[in-house]
Amino acid sequence: MLIQWVTYVSILIAIVAMIAKALRYMTAPQNFRWELYPVPHERGKAEYGGSYLEELDWWSKPRHSDLFNEVKEMMMEIFLLKGVFHHNKKVWLFSLPFHLGLYICIGWLFLLLLGGIMEAAGSAVVVDAGTFGALVHYLTVISGYVGLILAGYGALGLFFWRALDSNQKAYNSFAEYFNLLFFDVVVVITLAFHFGSDPSFAVLRGYVRSLVTFSPTAIPNVLFTLEIVTMSLLIMYIPLTRMSHFVAKYFLYHAVRWSDTPNERGSKIEKRIMELLQKKVGWSASHIQTGKPWSEVVKEMKK
């Protein structure tokens, strides 16, 4: 039960950390407009890099959005790392399998949870258990090995890229190396146990079933204990570091990069900007004095 508590606590901390990060982004101060075009949701204009601002009297005309094109652009960035491909193809060769592996592993964990719930309800998850049980079995096996191998390969490649690329070395920190090695350690331990003792992930699914039913479970050996502990710690660790940038993806694109809502009189944007202008300056310079509200500083600078 001690090992199960490690998993419970790790999952709880991960959930709380992700919610806290999302709330922090949601309540962040009004961002500065980037004014970068094209914006994918500009219907009829994104293709050539235009915007509604090129229209005469644009403020008096309706703005039309293209949700499909916006979602398509996000999917290309999330699943294909479009930006990385265009700017650094050498990194993309490792970053793409690493991220795809993580996505597949997330699906694998949900399949293990589904299988654990099914077994707790009395349904078998094996080859001859019927169509749905067999489907969950095969998807669990395929996604488990594919996801782990891709993530491990990508993490290892990114580690050596950071260590050997002369242009990148100056930007590395201990955390960058540790994070990638942590992933590979978990992958190696997990694959070592399942290749040797649990090729269909039945033992791991049984452990998940014990978590769902709050019941004790048998631990076959030390290697399985290491797998559960390291995997649980990794689940907890990711949201506590900048590796959880996936939480910021929505806010980065929708609230910052693609935000083209104009600041109109009486709008929420105007209200938030006016609130920020009332905050006091916390630093000083030859042209700015500390302690004054930004609204006064701006007026003095205009003079």
C-alpha atoms as a PDB file:
ATOM      1  CA  MET A   1       0.000   0.000   0.000  1.00  0.00           C
ATOM      2  CA  LEU A   2       2.966   2.331   0.516  1.00  0.00           C
ATOM      3  CA  ILE A   3       3.769   2.203  -3.204  1.00  0.00           C
ATOM      4  CA  GLN A   4       0.116   2.890  -4.023  1.00  0.00           C
ATOM      5  CA  TRP A   5       0.185   5.961  -1.799  1.00  0.00           C
ATOM      6  CA  VAL A   6       3.215   7.212  -3.733  1.00  0.00           C
ATOM      7  CA  THR A   7       1.108   6.998  -6.896  1.00  0.00           C
ATOM      8  CA  TYR A   8      -1.965   8.609  -5.307  1.00  0.00           C
ATOM      9  CA  VAL A   9       0.042  11.540  -3.939  1.00  0.00           C
ATOM     10  CA  SER A  10       1.962  11.993  -7.207  1.00  0.00           C
ATOM     11  CA  ILE A  11      -1.232  12.144  -9.276  1.00  0.00           C
ATOM     12  CA  LEU A  12      -2.841  14.568  -6.814  1.00  0.00           C
ATOM     13  CA  ILE A  13       0.170  16.890  -6.859  1.00  0.00           C
ATOM     14  CA  ALA A  14       0.271  16.752 -10.675  1.00  0.00           C
ATOM     15  CA  ILE A  15      -3.418  17.688 -10.975  1.00  0.00           C
ATOM     16  CA  VAL A  16      -3.146  20.526  -8.448  1.00  0.00           C
ATOM     17  CA  ALA A  17       0.007  21.867 -10.139  1.00  0.00           C
ATOM     18  CA  MET A  18      -1.587  21.870 -13.603  1.00  0.00           C
ATOM     19  CA  ILE A  19      -4.733  23.598 -12.328  1.00  0.00           C
ATOM     20  CA  ALA A  20      -2.591  26.179 -10.504  1.00  0.00           C
ATOM     21  CA  LYS A  21      -0.598  26.883 -13.684  1.00  0.00           C
ATOM     22  CA  ALA A  22      -3.747  27.237 -15.775  1.00  0.00           C
ATOM     23  CA  LEU A  23      -5.245  29.662 -13.218  1.00  0.00           C
ATOM     24  CA  ARG A  24      -2.029  31.678 -13.187  1.00  0.00           C
ATOM     25  CA  TYR A  25      -2.144  32.049 -16.956  1.00  0.00           C
ATOM     26  CA  MET A  26      -5.857  32.875 -16.907  1.00  0.00           C
ATOM     27  CA  THR A  27      -5.365  35.660 -14.344  1.00  0.00           C
ATOM     28  CA  ALA A  28      -2.155  37.067 -15.833  1.00  0.00           C
ATOM     29  CA  PRO A  29      -2.077  40.804 -16.665  1.00  0.00           C
ATOM     30  CA  GLN A  30      -3.129  42.001 -20.095  1.00  0.00           C
ATOM     31  CA  ASN A  31      -0.412  41.094 -22.590  1.00  0.00           C
ATOM     32  CA  PHE A  32       1.090  43.416 -25.148  1.00  0.00           C
ATOM     33  CA  ARG A  33      -0.152  42.848 -28.667  1.00  0.00           C
ATOM     34  CA  TRP A  34       2.385  41.143 -30.877  1.00  0.00           C
ATOM     35  CA  GLU A  35       0.881  42.423 -34.125  1.00  0.00           C
ATOM     36  CA  LEU A  36       2.185  39.361 -35.977  1.00  0.00           C
ATOM     37  CA  TYR A  37       0.378  38.265 -39.102  1.00  0.00           C
ATOM     38  CA  PRO A  38      -1.038  36.129 -40.526  1.00  0.00           C
ATOM     39  CA  VAL A  39      -3.465  35.097 -37.797  1.00  0.00           C
ATOM     40  CA  PRO A  40      -5.002  31.709 -38.738  1.00  0.00           C
ATOM     41  CA  HIS A  41      -8.558  32.674 -37.808  1.00  0.00           C
ATOM     42  CA  GLU A  42      -8.630  35.609 -40.246  1.00  0.00           C
ATOM     43  CA  ARG A  43     -11.088  34.234 -42.793  1.00  0.00           C
ATOM     44  CA  GLY A  44      -9.968  34.992 -46.327  1.00  0.00           C
ATOM     45  CA  LYS A  45      -6.875  36.921 -45.216  1.00  0.00           C
ATOM     46  CA  ALA A  46      -4.595  34.429 -43.468  1.00  0.00           C
ATOM     47  CA  GLU A  47      -3.533  32.939 -46.810  1.00  0.00           C
ATOM     48  CA  TYR A  48      -1.638  36.069 -47.821  1.00  0.00           C
ATOM     49  CA  GLY A  49      -0.806  37.475 -44.365  1.00  0.00           C
ATOM     50  CA  GLY A  50      -3.475  40.155 -44.221  1.00  0.00           C
ATOM     51  CA  SER A  51      -5.744  41.314 -41.419  1.00  0.00           C
ATOM     52  CA  TYR A  52      -8.916  43.280 -40.830  1.00  0.00           C
ATOM     53  CA  LEU A  53      -6.755  46.356 -40.107  1.00  0.00           C
ATOM     54  CA  GLU A  54      -6.134  46.796 -43.846  1.00  0.00           C
ATOM     55  CA  GLU A  55      -9.827  47.499 -44.407  1.00  0.00           C
ATOM     56  CA  LEU A  56     -10.999  51.096 -44.706  1.00  0.00           C
ATOM     57  CA  ASP A  57     -13.030  52.003 -41.584  1.00  0.00           C
ATOM     58  CA  TRP A  58     -12.316  48.525 -40.191  1.00  0.00           C
ATOM     59  CA  TRP A  59     -13.836  49.395 -36.814  1.00  0.00           C
ATOM     60  CA  SER A  60     -17.266  49.759 -38.379  1.00  0.00           C
ATOM     61  CA  LYS A  61     -17.219  46.395 -40.154  1.00  0.00           C
ATOM     62  CA  PRO A  62     -17.869  42.889 -38.760  1.00  0.00           C
ATOM     63  CA  ARG A  63     -14.896  40.574 -38.269  1.00  0.00           C
ATOM     64  CA  HIS A  64     -15.163  37.007 -39.559  1.00  0.00           C
ATOM     65  CA  SER A  65     -13.285  34.132 -37.926  1.00  0.00           C
ATOM     66  CA  ASP A  66     -12.319  30.734 -39.335  1.00  0.00           C
ATOM     67  CA  LEU A  67     -12.334  28.259 -36.432  1.00  0.00           C
ATOM     68  CA  PHE A  68     -11.455  25.298 -38.658  1.00  0.00           C
ATOM     69  CA  ASN A  69      -8.273  26.921 -39.949  1.00  0.00           C
ATOM     70  CA  GLU A  70      -7.282  27.952 -36.438  1.00  0.00           C
ATOM     71  CA  VAL A  71      -7.729  24.414 -35.080  1.00  0.00           C
ATOM     72  CA  LYS A  72      -5.853  22.986 -38.072  1.00  0.00           C
ATOM     73  CA  GLU A  73      -2.908  25.304 -37.427  1.00  0.00           C
ATOM     74  CA  MET A  74      -2.828  24.337 -33.759  1.00  0.00           C
ATOM     75  CA  MET A  75      -2.936  20.625 -34.571  1.00  0.00           C
ATOM     76  CA  MET A  76      -0.007  21.013 -36.971  1.00  0.00           C
ATOM     77  CA  GLU A  77       1.970  22.758 -34.254  1.00  0.00           C
ATOM     78  CA  ILE A  78       1.038  20.323 -31.471  1.00  0.00           C
ATOM     79  CA  PHE A  79       1.354  17.026 -33.351  1.00  0.00           C
ATOM     80  CA  LEU A  80       3.867  17.876 -36.089  1.00  0.00           C
ATOM     81  CA  LEU A  81       5.878  20.659 -34.377  1.00  0.00           C
ATOM     82  CA  LYS A  82       5.570  22.818 -37.473  1.00  0.00           C
ATOM     83  CA  GLY A  83       7.511  25.733 -35.979  1.00  0.00           C
ATOM     84  CA  VAL A  84      10.443  23.541 -34.909  1.00  0.00           C
ATOM     85  CA  PHE A  85      10.559  21.931 -38.360  1.00  0.00           C
ATOM     86  CA  HIS A  86      10.849  25.300 -40.107  1.00  0.00           C
ATOM     87  CA  HIS A  87      13.404  26.793 -37.709  1.00  0.00           C
ATOM     88  CA  ASN A  88      15.585  23.847 -36.652  1.00  0.00           C
ATOM     89  CA  LYS A  89      15.187  20.573 -38.531  1.00  0.00           C
ATOM     90  CA  LYS A  90      18.033  18.913 -36.598  1.00  0.00           C
ATOM     91  CA  VAL A  91      16.158  19.374 -33.323  1.00  0.00           C
ATOM     92  CA  TRP A  92      12.870  18.385 -34.976  1.00  0.00           C
ATOM     93  CA  LEU A  93      14.271  14.910 -35.756  1.00  0.00           C
ATOM     94  CA  PHE A  94      14.376  14.199 -32.004  1.00  0.00           C
ATOM     95  CA  SER A  95      11.749  16.584 -30.659  1.00  0.00           C
ATOM     96  CA  LEU A  96       8.972  15.162 -32.839  1.00  0.00           C
ATOM     97  CA  PRO A  97       9.353  11.509 -31.698  1.00  0.00           C
ATOM     98  CA  PHE A  98       9.802  12.702 -28.114  1.00  0.00           C
ATOM     99  CA  HIS A  99       6.525  14.644 -28.118  1.00  0.00           C
ATOM    100  CA  LEU A 100       4.630  12.042 -30.122  1.00  0.00           C
ATOM    101  CA  GLY A 101       5.896   9.397 -27.711  1.00  0.00           C
ATOM    102  CA  LEU A 102       4.614  11.425 -24.762  1.00  0.00           C
ATOM    103  CA  TYR A 103       1.191  11.847 -26.387  1.00  0.00           C
ATOM    104  CA  ILE A 104       0.986   8.126 -27.082  1.00  0.00           C
ATOM    105  CA  CYS A 105       2.100   7.317 -23.525  1.00  0.00           C
ATOM    106  CA  ILE A 106      -0.677   9.526 -22.166  1.00  0.00           C
ATOM    107  CA  GLY A 107      -3.129   7.517 -24.273  1.00  0.00           C
ATOM    108  CA  TRP A 108      -1.493   4.324 -22.990  1.00  0.00           C
ATOM    109  CA  LEU A 109      -2.044   5.387 -19.371  1.00  0.00           C
ATOM    110  CA  PHE A 110      -5.711   6.091 -20.100  1.00  0.00           C
ATOM    111  CA  LEU A 111      -6.037   2.679 -21.745  1.00  0.00           C
ATOM    112  CA  LEU A 112      -4.527   1.088 -18.639  1.00  0.00           C
ATOM    113  CA  LEU A 113      -7.055   3.012 -16.548  1.00  0.00           C
ATOM    114  CA  LEU A 114      -9.905   1.878 -18.815  1.00  0.00           C
ATOM    115  CA  GLY A 115      -8.666  -1.710 -18.657  1.00  0.00           C
ATOM    116  CA  GLY A 116      -8.366  -1.529 -14.874  1.00  0.00           C
ATOM    117  CA  ILE A 117     -11.932  -0.259 -14.568  1.00  0.00           C
ATOM    118  CA  MET A 118     -13.168  -2.992 -16.921  1.00  0.00           C
ATOM    119  CA  GLU A 119     -11.437  -5.703 -14.889  1.00  0.00           C
ATOM    120  CA  ALA A 120     -12.791  -4.240 -11.656  1.00  0.00           C
ATOM    121  CA  ALA A 121     -16.275  -4.474 -13.199  1.00  0.00           C
ATOM    122  CA  GLY A 122     -15.739  -8.138 -14.116  1.00  0.00           C
ATOM    123  CA  SER A 123     -14.786  -7.784 -17.794  1.00  0.00           C
ATOM    124  CA  ALA A 124     -11.593  -9.417 -19.027  1.00  0.00           C
ATOM    125  CA  VAL A 125      -9.016  -7.526 -21.088  1.00  0.00           C
ATOM    126  CA  VAL A 126      -7.336 -10.301 -23.063  1.00  0.00           C
ATOM    127  CA  VAL A 127      -7.127 -11.512 -26.660  1.00  0.00           C
ATOM    128  CA  ASP A 128     -10.176 -13.802 -26.463  1.00  0.00           C
ATOM    129  CA  ALA A 129     -12.341 -11.563 -24.261  1.00  0.00           C
ATOM    130  CA  GLY A 130     -14.656 -10.330 -26.985  1.00  0.00           C
ATOM    131  CA  THR A 131     -14.299  -7.474 -29.438  1.00  0.00           C
ATOM    132  CA  PHE A 132     -13.986  -4.560 -27.004  1.00  0.00           C
ATOM    133  CA  GLY A 133     -11.814  -6.377 -24.459  1.00  0.00           C
ATOM    134  CA  ALA A 134      -9.469  -7.578 -27.205  1.00  0.00           C
ATOM    135  CA  LEU A 135      -9.351  -4.071 -28.718  1.00  0.00           C
ATOM    136  CA  VAL A 136      -8.346  -2.507 -25.390  1.00  0.00           C
ATOM    137  CA  HIS A 137      -5.741  -5.254 -24.946  1.00  0.00           C
ATOM    138  CA  TYR A 138      -4.109  -4.725 -28.343  1.00  0.00           C
ATOM    139  CA  LEU A 139      -4.252  -0.924 -28.154  1.00  0.00           C
ATOM    140  CA  THR A 140      -2.628  -1.029 -24.717  1.00  0.00           C
ATOM    141  CA  VAL A 141       0.232  -3.229 -25.933  1.00  0.00           C
ATOM    142  CA  ILE A 142       0.837  -1.246 -29.130  1.00  0.00           C
ATOM    143  CA  SER A 143       0.602   2.213 -27.561  1.00  0.00           C
ATOM    144  CA  GLY A 144       2.756   1.165 -24.604  1.00  0.00           C
ATOM    145  CA  TYR A 145       5.742  -0.036 -26.581  1.00  0.00           C
ATOM    146  CA  VAL A 146       5.482   2.545 -29.375  1.00  0.00           C
ATOM    147  CA  GLY A 147       5.059   5.457 -26.963  1.00  0.00           C
ATOM    148  CA  LEU A 148       7.876   4.387 -24.642  1.00  0.00           C
ATOM    149  CA  ILE A 149      10.355   3.704 -27.464  1.00  0.00           C
ATOM    150  CA  LEU A 150       9.598   6.986 -29.257  1.00  0.00           C
ATOM    151  CA  ALA A 151       9.815   9.038 -26.052  1.00  0.00           C
ATOM    152  CA  GLY A 152      13.040   7.307 -25.011  1.00  0.00           C
ATOM    153  CA  TYR A 153      14.652   7.767 -28.423  1.00  0.00           C
ATOM    154  CA  GLY A 154      13.627  11.415 -28.586  1.00  0.00           C
ATOM    155  CA  ALA A 155      14.820  12.196 -25.050  1.00  0.00           C
ATOM    156  CA  LEU A 156      18.186  10.543 -25.710  1.00  0.00           C
ATOM    157  CA  GLY A 157      18.630  12.398 -28.988  1.00  0.00           C
ATOM    158  CA  LEU A 158      17.765  15.739 -27.376  1.00  0.00           C
ATOM    159  CA  PHE A 159      20.195  15.013 -24.547  1.00  0.00           C
ATOM    160  CA  PHE A 160      23.108  14.466 -26.935  1.00  0.00           C
ATOM    161  CA  TRP A 161      22.079  17.460 -29.042  1.00  0.00           C
ATOM    162  CA  ARG A 162      22.229  19.686 -25.963  1.00  0.00           C
ATOM    163  CA  ALA A 163      25.519  18.150 -24.858  1.00  0.00           C
ATOM    164  CA  LEU A 164      27.311  18.237 -28.222  1.00  0.00           C
ATOM    165  CA  ASP A 165      25.895  21.234 -30.107  1.00  0.00           C
ATOM    166  CA  SER A 166      28.297  24.147 -29.574  1.00  0.00           C
ATOM    167  CA  ASN A 167      25.598  26.745 -30.249  1.00  0.00           C
ATOM    168  CA  GLN A 168      23.233  25.227 -27.697  1.00  0.00           C
ATOM    169  CA  LYS A 169      25.637  24.585 -24.803  1.00  0.00           C
ATOM    170  CA  ALA A 170      25.472  28.162 -23.530  1.00  0.00           C
ATOM    171  CA  TYR A 171      21.706  27.871 -23.012  1.00  0.00           C
ATOM    172  CA  ASN A 172      21.721  24.553 -21.171  1.00  0.00           C
ATOM    173  CA  SER A 173      21.284  24.094 -17.440  1.00  0.00           C
ATOM    174  CA  PHE A 174      21.571  21.091 -15.161  1.00  0.00           C
ATOM    175  CA  ALA A 175      17.769  20.787 -15.174  1.00  0.00           C
ATOM    176  CA  GLU A 176      17.720  20.354 -18.968  1.00  0.00           C
ATOM    177  CA  TYR A 177      20.036  17.345 -18.789  1.00  0.00           C
ATOM    178  CA  PHE A 178      18.371  15.909 -15.690  1.00  0.00           C
ATOM    179  CA  ASN A 179      14.864  16.091 -17.199  1.00  0.00           C
ATOM    180  CA  LEU A 180      15.839  14.190 -20.346  1.00  0.00           C
ATOM    181  CA  LEU A 181      17.818  11.575 -18.422  1.00  0.00           C
ATOM    182  CA  PHE A 182      14.909  11.119 -16.016  1.00  0.00           C
ATOM    183  CA  PHE A 183      12.661  10.265 -18.968  1.00  0.00           C
ATOM    184  CA  ASP A 184      15.149   7.733 -20.295  1.00  0.00           C
ATOM    185  CA  VAL A 185      15.641   6.095 -16.893  1.00  0.00           C
ATOM    186  CA  VAL A 186      11.879   5.588 -16.565  1.00  0.00           C
ATOM    187  CA  VAL A 187      11.659   4.228 -20.122  1.00  0.00           C
ATOM    188  CA  VAL A 188      14.549   1.775 -19.626  1.00  0.00           C
ATOM    189  CA  ILE A 189      13.186   0.472 -16.302  1.00  0.00           C
ATOM    190  CA  THR A 190       9.661   0.104 -17.689  1.00  0.00           C
ATOM    191  CA  LEU A 191      10.735  -1.689 -20.874  1.00  0.00           C
ATOM    192  CA  ALA A 192      13.146  -3.934 -18.945  1.00  0.00           C
ATOM    193  CA  PHE A 193      10.381  -5.192 -16.665  1.00  0.00           C
ATOM    194  CA  HIS A 194       7.728  -5.663 -19.338  1.00  0.00           C
ATOM    195  CA  PHE A 195       9.987  -7.266 -21.937  1.00  0.00           C
ATOM    196  CA  GLY A 196      11.071  -9.782 -19.339  1.00  0.00           C
ATOM    197  CA  SER A 197       8.050 -10.337 -17.110  1.00  0.00           C
ATOM    198  CA  ASP A 198       4.903  -8.620 -18.379  1.00  0.00           C
ATOM    199  CA  PRO A 199       4.851  -8.254 -22.186  1.00  0.00           C
ATOM    200  CA  SER A 200       1.082  -7.582 -22.341  1.00  0.00           C
ATOM    201  CA  PHE A 201       1.077  -5.078 -19.431  1.00  0.00           C
ATOM    202  CA  ALA A 202      -1.348  -7.320 -17.507  1.00  0.00           C
ATOM    203  CA  VAL A 203       0.533  -6.858 -14.222  1.00  0.00           C
ATOM    204  CA  LEU A 204       0.614  -3.085 -14.655  1.00  0.00           C
ATOM    205  CA  ARG A 205      -3.100  -3.045 -15.489  1.00  0.00           C
ATOM    206  CA  GLY A 206      -3.701  -5.074 -12.327  1.00  0.00           C
ATOM    207  CA  TYR A 207      -1.840  -2.421 -10.358  1.00  0.00           C
ATOM    208  CA  VAL A 208      -4.037   0.273 -11.900  1.00  0.00           C
ATOM    209  CA  ARG A 209      -7.099  -1.812 -11.003  1.00  0.00           C
ATOM    210  CA  SER A 210      -5.919  -1.857  -7.380  1.00  0.00           C
ATOM    211  CA  LEU A 211      -5.676   1.940  -7.474  1.00  0.00           C
ATOM    212  CA  VAL A 212      -9.222   2.223  -8.791  1.00  0.00           C
ATOM    213  CA  THR A 213     -10.649  -0.198  -6.220  1.00  0.00           C
ATOM    214  CA  PHE A 214      -8.444   0.985  -3.322  1.00  0.00           C
ATOM    215  CA  SER A 215      -7.364  -2.588  -2.684  1.00  0.00           C
ATOM    216  CA  PRO A 216      -3.929  -4.135  -1.997  1.00  0.00           C
ATOM    217  CA  THR A 217      -2.021  -5.760  -4.838  1.00  0.00           C
ATOM    218  CA  ALA A 218       0.924  -8.116  -5.231  1.00  0.00           C
ATOM    219  CA  ILE A 219       4.274  -6.620  -6.243  1.00  0.00           C
ATOM    220  CA  PRO A 220       6.139  -9.234  -8.338  1.00  0.00           C
ATOM    221  CA  ASN A 221       9.705  -7.941  -7.944  1.00  0.00           C
ATOM    222  CA  VAL A 222      11.979  -4.980  -7.225  1.00  0.00           C
ATOM    223  CA  LEU A 223      12.087  -3.902 -10.879  1.00  0.00           C
ATOM    224  CA  PHE A 224       8.311  -3.450 -10.928  1.00  0.00           C
ATOM    225  CA  THR A 225       8.566  -1.411  -7.723  1.00  0.00           C
ATOM    226  CA  LEU A 226      11.172   0.818  -9.401  1.00  0.00           C
ATOM    227  CA  GLU A 227       8.900   1.213 -12.432  1.00  0.00           C
ATOM    228  CA  ILE A 228       5.909   2.323 -10.338  1.00  0.00           C
ATOM    229  CA  VAL A 229       7.923   4.673  -8.123  1.00  0.00           C
ATOM    230  CA  THR A 230       9.858   6.354 -10.965  1.00  0.00           C
ATOM    231  CA  MET A 231       6.791   6.609 -13.192  1.00  0.00           C
ATOM    232  CA  SER A 232       4.757   8.115 -10.343  1.00  0.00           C
ATOM    233  CA  LEU A 233       7.509  10.617  -9.563  1.00  0.00           C
ATOM    234  CA  LEU A 234       7.764  11.555 -13.249  1.00  0.00           C
ATOM    235  CA  ILE A 235       4.002  12.202 -13.427  1.00  0.00           C
ATOM    236  CA  MET A 236       4.334  14.464 -10.384  1.00  0.00           C
ATOM    237  CA  TYR A 237       7.551  16.110 -11.559  1.00  0.00           C
ATOM    238  CA  ILE A 238       6.508  17.222 -15.043  1.00  0.00           C
ATOM    239  CA  PRO A 239       3.844  19.784 -13.968  1.00  0.00           C
ATOM    240  CA  LEU A 240       6.285  21.289 -11.454  1.00  0.00           C
ATOM    241  CA  THR A 241       8.797  22.188 -14.166  1.00  0.00           C
ATOM    242  CA  ARG A 242       8.753  24.077 -17.441  1.00  0.00           C
ATOM    243  CA  MET A 243       8.294  20.759 -19.210  1.00  0.00           C
ATOM    244  CA  SER A 244       4.597  21.380 -18.553  1.00  0.00           C
ATOM    245  CA  HIS A 245       4.566  24.078 -21.237  1.00  0.00           C
ATOM    246  CA  PHE A 246       1.671  22.153 -22.797  1.00  0.00           C
ATOM    247  CA  VAL A 247      -0.547  23.904 -20.220  1.00  0.00           C
ATOM    248  CA  ALA A 248       0.505  27.259 -21.685  1.00  0.00           C
ATOM    249  CA  LYS A 249      -0.114  26.285 -25.317  1.00  0.00           C
ATOM    250  CA  TYR A 250      -3.743  27.394 -25.370  1.00  0.00           C
ATOM    251  CA  PHE A 251      -3.018  30.699 -23.663  1.00  0.00           C
ATOM    252  CA  LEU A 252       0.074  31.391 -25.756  1.00  0.00           C
ATOM    253  CA  TYR A 253      -1.790  30.989 -29.026  1.00  0.00           C
ATOM    254  CA  HIS A 254      -5.290  32.245 -28.229  1.00  0.00           C
ATOM    255  CA  ALA A 255      -4.599  34.921 -25.613  1.00  0.00           C
ATOM    256  CA  VAL A 256      -1.265  36.227 -26.889  1.00  0.00           C
ATOM    257  CA  ARG A 257      -0.009  35.208 -30.317  1.00  0.00           C
ATOM    258  CA  TRP A 258      -3.343  35.178 -32.138  1.00  0.00           C
ATOM    259  CA  SER A 259      -5.176  37.766 -30.056  1.00  0.00           C
ATOM    260  CA  ASP A 260      -6.283  40.465 -32.488  1.00  0.00           C
ATOM    261  CA  THR A 261      -9.312  41.826 -30.619  1.00  0.00           C
ATOM    262  CA  PRO A 262      -9.160  45.648 -30.864  1.00  0.00           C
ATOM    263  CA  ASN A 263      -9.038  47.812 -27.737  1.00  0.00           C
ATOM    264  CA  GLU A 264     -12.364  49.616 -28.012  1.00  0.00           C
ATOM    265  CA  ARG A 265     -13.883  52.143 -25.601  1.00  0.00           C
ATOM    266  CA  GLY A 266     -15.685  50.445 -22.752  1.00  0.00           C
ATOM    267  CA  SER A 267     -14.200  47.028 -23.554  1.00  0.00           C
ATOM    268  CA  LYS A 268     -12.716  44.552 -21.091  1.00  0.00           C
ATOM    269  CA  ILE A 269      -9.304  45.171 -22.621  1.00  0.00           C
ATOM    270  CA  GLU A 270      -9.548  48.896 -21.890  1.00  0.00           C
ATOM    271  CA  LYS A 271     -10.608  48.182 -18.310  1.00  0.00           C
ATOM    272  CA  ARG A 272      -7.670  45.819 -17.724  1.00  0.00           C
ATOM    273  CA  ILE A 273      -5.198  48.310 -19.229  1.00  0.00           C
ATOM    274  CA  MET A 274      -6.525  51.128 -17.047  1.00  0.00           C
ATOM    275  CA  GLU A 275      -6.119  48.909 -13.972  1.00  0.00           C
ATOM    276  CA  LEU A 276      -2.517  48.189 -14.935  1.00  0.00           C
ATOM    277  CA  LEU A 277      -1.799  51.888 -15.433  1.00  0.00           C
ATOM    278  CA  GLN A 278      -2.725  52.486 -11.791  1.00  0.00           C
ATOM    279  CA  LYS A 279       0.042  50.179 -10.576  1.00  0.00           C
ATOM    280  CA  LYS A 280       3.074  51.936  -9.170  1.00  0.00           C
ATOM    281  CA  VAL A 281       6.482  51.850 -10.801  1.00  0.00           C
ATOM    282  CA  GLY A 282       8.863  49.609  -8.846  1.00  0.00           C
ATOM    283  CA  TRP A 283      12.133  50.825 -10.356  1.00  0.00           C
ATOM    284  CA  SER A 284      13.760  54.164 -11.113  1.00  0.00           C
ATOM    285  CA  ALA A 285      15.835  55.752 -13.837  1.00  0.00           C
ATOM    286  CA  SER A 286      16.855  59.210 -14.979  1.00  0.00           C
ATOM    287  CA  HIS A 287      13.539  59.622 -16.789  1.00  0.00           C
ATOM    288  CA  ILE A 288      11.266  57.661 -14.407  1.00  0.00           C
ATOM    289  CA  GLN A 289      10.787  57.951 -10.661  1.00  0.00           C
ATOM    290  CA  THR A 290       9.804  55.010  -8.522  1.00  0.00           C
ATOM    291  CA  GLY A 291       6.545  55.016  -6.575  1.00  0.00           C
ATOM    292  CA  LYS A 292       4.448  56.883  -9.125  1.00  0.00           C
ATOM    293  CA  PRO A 293       1.522  55.227 -10.965  1.00  0.00           C
ATOM    294  CA  TRP A 294       2.239  54.371 -14.587  1.00  0.00           C
ATOM    295  CA  SER A 295      -0.588  56.668 -15.679  1.00  0.00           C
ATOM    296  CA  GLU A 296       1.323  59.669 -14.277  1.00  0.00           C
ATOM    297  CA  VAL A 297       4.628  58.465 -15.694  1.00  0.00           C
ATOM    298  CA  VAL A 298       3.118  58.174 -19.162  1.00  0.00           C
ATOM    299  CA  LYS A 299       1.689  61.712 -18.953  1.00  0.00           C
ATOM    300  CA  GLU A 300       5.051  63.124 -17.882  1.00  0.00           C
ATOM    301  CA  MET A 301       6.847  61.272 -20.673  1.00  0.00           C
ATOM    302  CA  LYS A 302       4.439  62.794 -23.211  1.00  0.00           C
ATOM    303  CA  LYS A 303       5.455  66.251 -22.023  1.00  0.00           C
END
